């Protein structure tokens, strides 16, 4: 797709040099740079941070698979 954008002259010069070094078109260098930016954003947004609480773990005799017992323990 053909489009027009305004790019800082110094950045454009660097991009043209990079294109010549890699023997790629200027458009391909710009596409690759944008893909890199978007890929890093995707990686960051897919990371999940969970809040946990410290402690010694489950108390002796507590069965996490027995919901009835857990309700009794929580009610006391």
N, C-alpha and C. Protein backbone atom coordinates (compact mmCIF):
# COMPACT_ATOMS: atom_id res chain seq x y z
N UNK A 1 0.85 -1.17 0.00
CA UNK A 1 0.00 0.00 0.00
C UNK A 1 0.90 1.24 0.00
N UNK A 2 0.54 2.18 -0.73
CA UNK A 2 1.32 3.41 -0.83
C UNK A 2 0.68 4.45 0.08
N UNK A 3 1.54 5.15 0.86
CA UNK A 3 1.05 6.18 1.76
C UNK A 3 2.12 7.27 1.91
N UNK A 4 1.73 8.39 2.45
CA UNK A 4 2.66 9.49 2.69
C UNK A 4 2.71 9.77 4.17
N UNK A 5 3.93 9.85 4.70
CA UNK A 5 4.11 10.21 6.11
C UNK A 5 5.24 11.22 6.22
N UNK A 6 5.21 12.00 7.28
CA UNK A 6 6.29 12.94 7.55
C UNK A 6 7.24 12.32 8.56
N UNK A 7 8.53 12.27 8.20
CA UNK A 7 9.55 11.68 9.05
C UNK A 7 10.66 12.69 9.26
N UNK A 8 11.15 12.77 10.49
CA UNK A 8 12.27 13.65 10.79
C UNK A 8 13.42 13.35 9.82
N UNK A 9 14.06 14.39 9.32
CA UNK A 9 15.11 14.24 8.31
C UNK A 9 16.26 13.35 8.79
N UNK A 10 16.66 13.48 10.04
CA UNK A 10 17.75 12.66 10.57
C UNK A 10 17.36 11.19 10.65
N UNK A 11 16.13 10.92 11.05
CA UNK A 11 15.64 9.54 11.11
C UNK A 11 15.57 8.95 9.70
N UNK A 12 15.11 9.75 8.76
CA UNK A 12 15.01 9.29 7.37
C UNK A 12 16.39 8.94 6.82
N UNK A 13 17.37 9.76 7.13
CA UNK A 13 18.75 9.49 6.68
C UNK A 13 19.25 8.18 7.25
N UNK A 14 19.01 7.96 8.55
CA UNK A 14 19.42 6.70 9.17
C UNK A 14 18.71 5.51 8.55
N UNK A 15 17.43 5.67 8.27
CA UNK A 15 16.65 4.58 7.68
C UNK A 15 17.15 4.27 6.27
N UNK A 16 17.48 5.28 5.51
CA UNK A 16 18.01 5.07 4.16
C UNK A 16 19.35 4.35 4.21
N UNK A 17 20.21 4.74 5.16
CA UNK A 17 21.50 4.06 5.31
C UNK A 17 21.30 2.59 5.67
N UNK A 18 20.35 2.34 6.59
CA UNK A 18 20.06 0.97 7.01
C UNK A 18 19.54 0.15 5.83
N UNK A 19 18.70 0.76 5.02
CA UNK A 19 18.17 0.08 3.84
C UNK A 19 19.30 -0.28 2.88
N UNK A 20 20.22 0.64 2.68
CA UNK A 20 21.35 0.36 1.79
C UNK A 20 22.25 -0.73 2.36
N UNK A 21 22.48 -0.69 3.68
CA UNK A 21 23.33 -1.69 4.33
C UNK A 21 22.71 -3.09 4.20
N UNK A 22 21.41 -3.18 4.40
CA UNK A 22 20.71 -4.47 4.35
C UNK A 22 20.29 -4.85 2.93
N UNK A 23 20.52 -3.95 1.98
CA UNK A 23 20.10 -4.15 0.59
C UNK A 23 18.60 -4.42 0.51
N UNK A 24 17.85 -3.59 1.25
CA UNK A 24 16.39 -3.65 1.26
C UNK A 24 15.85 -2.30 0.84
N UNK A 25 14.57 -2.27 0.54
CA UNK A 25 13.93 -0.99 0.23
C UNK A 25 13.69 -0.22 1.53
N UNK A 26 13.55 1.08 1.38
CA UNK A 26 13.24 1.92 2.54
C UNK A 26 11.92 1.49 3.18
N UNK A 27 10.95 1.16 2.35
CA UNK A 27 9.65 0.71 2.86
C UNK A 27 9.77 -0.55 3.69
N UNK A 28 10.62 -1.49 3.24
CA UNK A 28 10.81 -2.74 3.98
C UNK A 28 11.46 -2.47 5.33
N UNK A 29 12.42 -1.56 5.39
CA UNK A 29 13.08 -1.21 6.65
C UNK A 29 12.07 -0.59 7.61
N UNK A 30 11.23 0.28 7.11
CA UNK A 30 10.21 0.92 7.95
C UNK A 30 9.20 -0.13 8.43
N UNK A 31 8.77 -1.04 7.56
CA UNK A 31 7.86 -2.11 7.96
C UNK A 31 8.47 -2.98 9.06
N UNK A 32 9.74 -3.36 8.88
CA UNK A 32 10.41 -4.19 9.87
C UNK A 32 10.50 -3.48 11.22
N UNK A 33 10.80 -2.18 11.20
CA UNK A 33 10.89 -1.42 12.44
C UNK A 33 9.54 -1.37 13.14
N UNK A 34 8.48 -1.16 12.39
CA UNK A 34 7.14 -1.11 12.98
C UNK A 34 6.73 -2.48 13.52
N UNK A 35 7.06 -3.55 12.79
CA UNK A 35 6.75 -4.90 13.29
C UNK A 35 7.45 -5.16 14.61
N UNK A 36 8.69 -4.73 14.71
CA UNK A 36 9.46 -4.91 15.95
C UNK A 36 8.79 -4.19 17.11
N UNK A 37 8.35 -2.98 16.88
CA UNK A 37 7.67 -2.20 17.92
C UNK A 37 6.38 -2.90 18.35
N UNK A 38 5.58 -3.32 17.38
CA UNK A 38 4.29 -3.94 17.70
C UNK A 38 4.48 -5.30 18.36
N UNK A 39 5.48 -6.04 17.96
CA UNK A 39 5.75 -7.35 18.57
C UNK A 39 6.14 -7.18 20.04
N UNK A 40 6.95 -6.18 20.34
CA UNK A 40 7.36 -5.98 21.74
C UNK A 40 6.17 -5.55 22.59
N UNK A 41 5.27 -4.79 22.03
CA UNK A 41 4.07 -4.39 22.79
C UNK A 41 3.18 -5.59 23.06
N UNK A 42 3.07 -6.46 22.09
CA UNK A 42 2.25 -7.67 22.26
C UNK A 42 2.83 -8.55 23.36
N UNK A 43 4.15 -8.72 23.36
CA UNK A 43 4.80 -9.53 24.38
C UNK A 43 4.56 -8.95 25.77
N UNK A 44 4.68 -7.64 25.90
CA UNK A 44 4.49 -7.01 27.21
C UNK A 44 3.05 -7.13 27.67
N UNK A 45 2.10 -6.94 26.75
CA UNK A 45 0.70 -6.97 27.17
C UNK A 45 0.22 -8.39 27.48
N UNK A 46 0.91 -9.41 26.96
CA UNK A 46 0.48 -10.77 27.24
C UNK A 46 1.01 -11.29 28.57
N UNK A 47 1.92 -10.55 29.18
CA UNK A 47 2.43 -10.96 30.48
C UNK A 47 1.42 -10.58 31.55
N UNK A 48 1.18 -11.50 32.47
CA UNK A 48 0.21 -11.27 33.53
C UNK A 48 0.93 -11.22 34.85
N UNK A 49 0.60 -10.24 35.65
CA UNK A 49 1.20 -10.12 36.97
C UNK A 49 0.14 -10.51 38.01
N UNK A 50 0.44 -11.54 38.78
CA UNK A 50 -0.50 -12.00 39.80
C UNK A 50 -0.05 -11.53 41.17
N UNK A 51 -0.99 -11.08 41.97
CA UNK A 51 -0.71 -10.68 43.33
C UNK A 51 -0.87 -11.90 44.21
N UNK A 52 0.14 -12.19 44.99
CA UNK A 52 0.07 -13.35 45.88
C UNK A 52 0.29 -12.92 47.31
N UNK A 53 -0.12 -13.75 48.22
CA UNK A 53 0.06 -13.47 49.64
C UNK A 53 1.07 -14.46 50.20
N UNK A 54 1.87 -13.98 51.11
CA UNK A 54 2.86 -14.85 51.73
C UNK A 54 2.23 -15.68 52.83
N UNK A 55 2.97 -16.60 53.35
CA UNK A 55 2.46 -17.42 54.43
C UNK A 55 3.11 -18.78 54.42
N UNK A 56 2.70 -19.59 55.35
CA UNK A 56 3.30 -20.91 55.51
C UNK A 56 2.59 -21.95 54.65
N UNK A 57 1.57 -21.58 53.94
CA UNK A 57 0.85 -22.54 53.11
C UNK A 57 -0.43 -22.99 53.79
N UNK A 58 -0.94 -24.11 53.34
CA UNK A 58 -2.19 -24.65 53.86
C UNK A 58 -1.95 -25.23 55.26
N UNK A 59 -2.89 -24.96 56.14
CA UNK A 59 -2.79 -25.50 57.50
C UNK A 59 -2.97 -27.02 57.47
N UNK A 60 -2.37 -27.72 58.43
CA UNK A 60 -2.51 -29.18 58.47
C UNK A 60 -3.98 -29.59 58.59
N UNK A 61 -4.35 -30.62 57.86
CA UNK A 61 -5.71 -31.14 57.92
C UNK A 61 -6.68 -30.46 56.96
N UNK A 62 -6.27 -29.42 56.25
CA UNK A 62 -7.15 -28.73 55.32
C UNK A 62 -7.04 -29.39 53.95
N UNK A 63 -8.18 -29.83 53.41
CA UNK A 63 -8.21 -30.47 52.10
C UNK A 63 -8.82 -29.48 51.11
N UNK A 64 -8.00 -28.95 50.21
CA UNK A 64 -8.48 -27.95 49.26
C UNK A 64 -9.45 -28.52 48.24
N UNK A 65 -9.52 -29.83 48.13
CA UNK A 65 -10.45 -30.47 47.20
C UNK A 65 -11.82 -30.72 47.82
N UNK A 66 -11.97 -30.47 49.12
CA UNK A 66 -13.23 -30.70 49.82
C UNK A 66 -13.89 -29.36 50.13
N UNK A 67 -14.75 -28.91 49.22
CA UNK A 67 -15.35 -27.59 49.37
C UNK A 67 -16.23 -27.48 50.61
N UNK A 68 -16.90 -28.55 51.00
CA UNK A 68 -17.74 -28.53 52.19
C UNK A 68 -16.89 -28.24 53.44
N UNK A 69 -15.77 -28.93 53.57
CA UNK A 69 -14.88 -28.69 54.71
C UNK A 69 -14.31 -27.28 54.69
N UNK A 70 -13.97 -26.80 53.51
CA UNK A 70 -13.43 -25.45 53.40
C UNK A 70 -14.45 -24.41 53.87
N UNK A 71 -15.71 -24.59 53.49
CA UNK A 71 -16.75 -23.67 53.93
C UNK A 71 -16.91 -23.69 55.44
N UNK A 72 -16.84 -24.86 56.04
CA UNK A 72 -16.92 -24.97 57.49
C UNK A 72 -15.75 -24.25 58.17
N UNK A 73 -14.57 -24.42 57.65
CA UNK A 73 -13.38 -23.77 58.22
C UNK A 73 -13.48 -22.27 58.09
N UNK A 74 -13.97 -21.79 56.94
CA UNK A 74 -14.06 -20.34 56.72
C UNK A 74 -15.16 -19.71 57.59
N UNK A 75 -16.19 -20.46 57.94
CA UNK A 75 -17.27 -19.93 58.77
C UNK A 75 -16.85 -19.80 60.22
N UNK A 76 -15.82 -20.51 60.65
CA UNK A 76 -15.42 -20.46 62.06
C UNK A 76 -14.45 -19.35 62.31
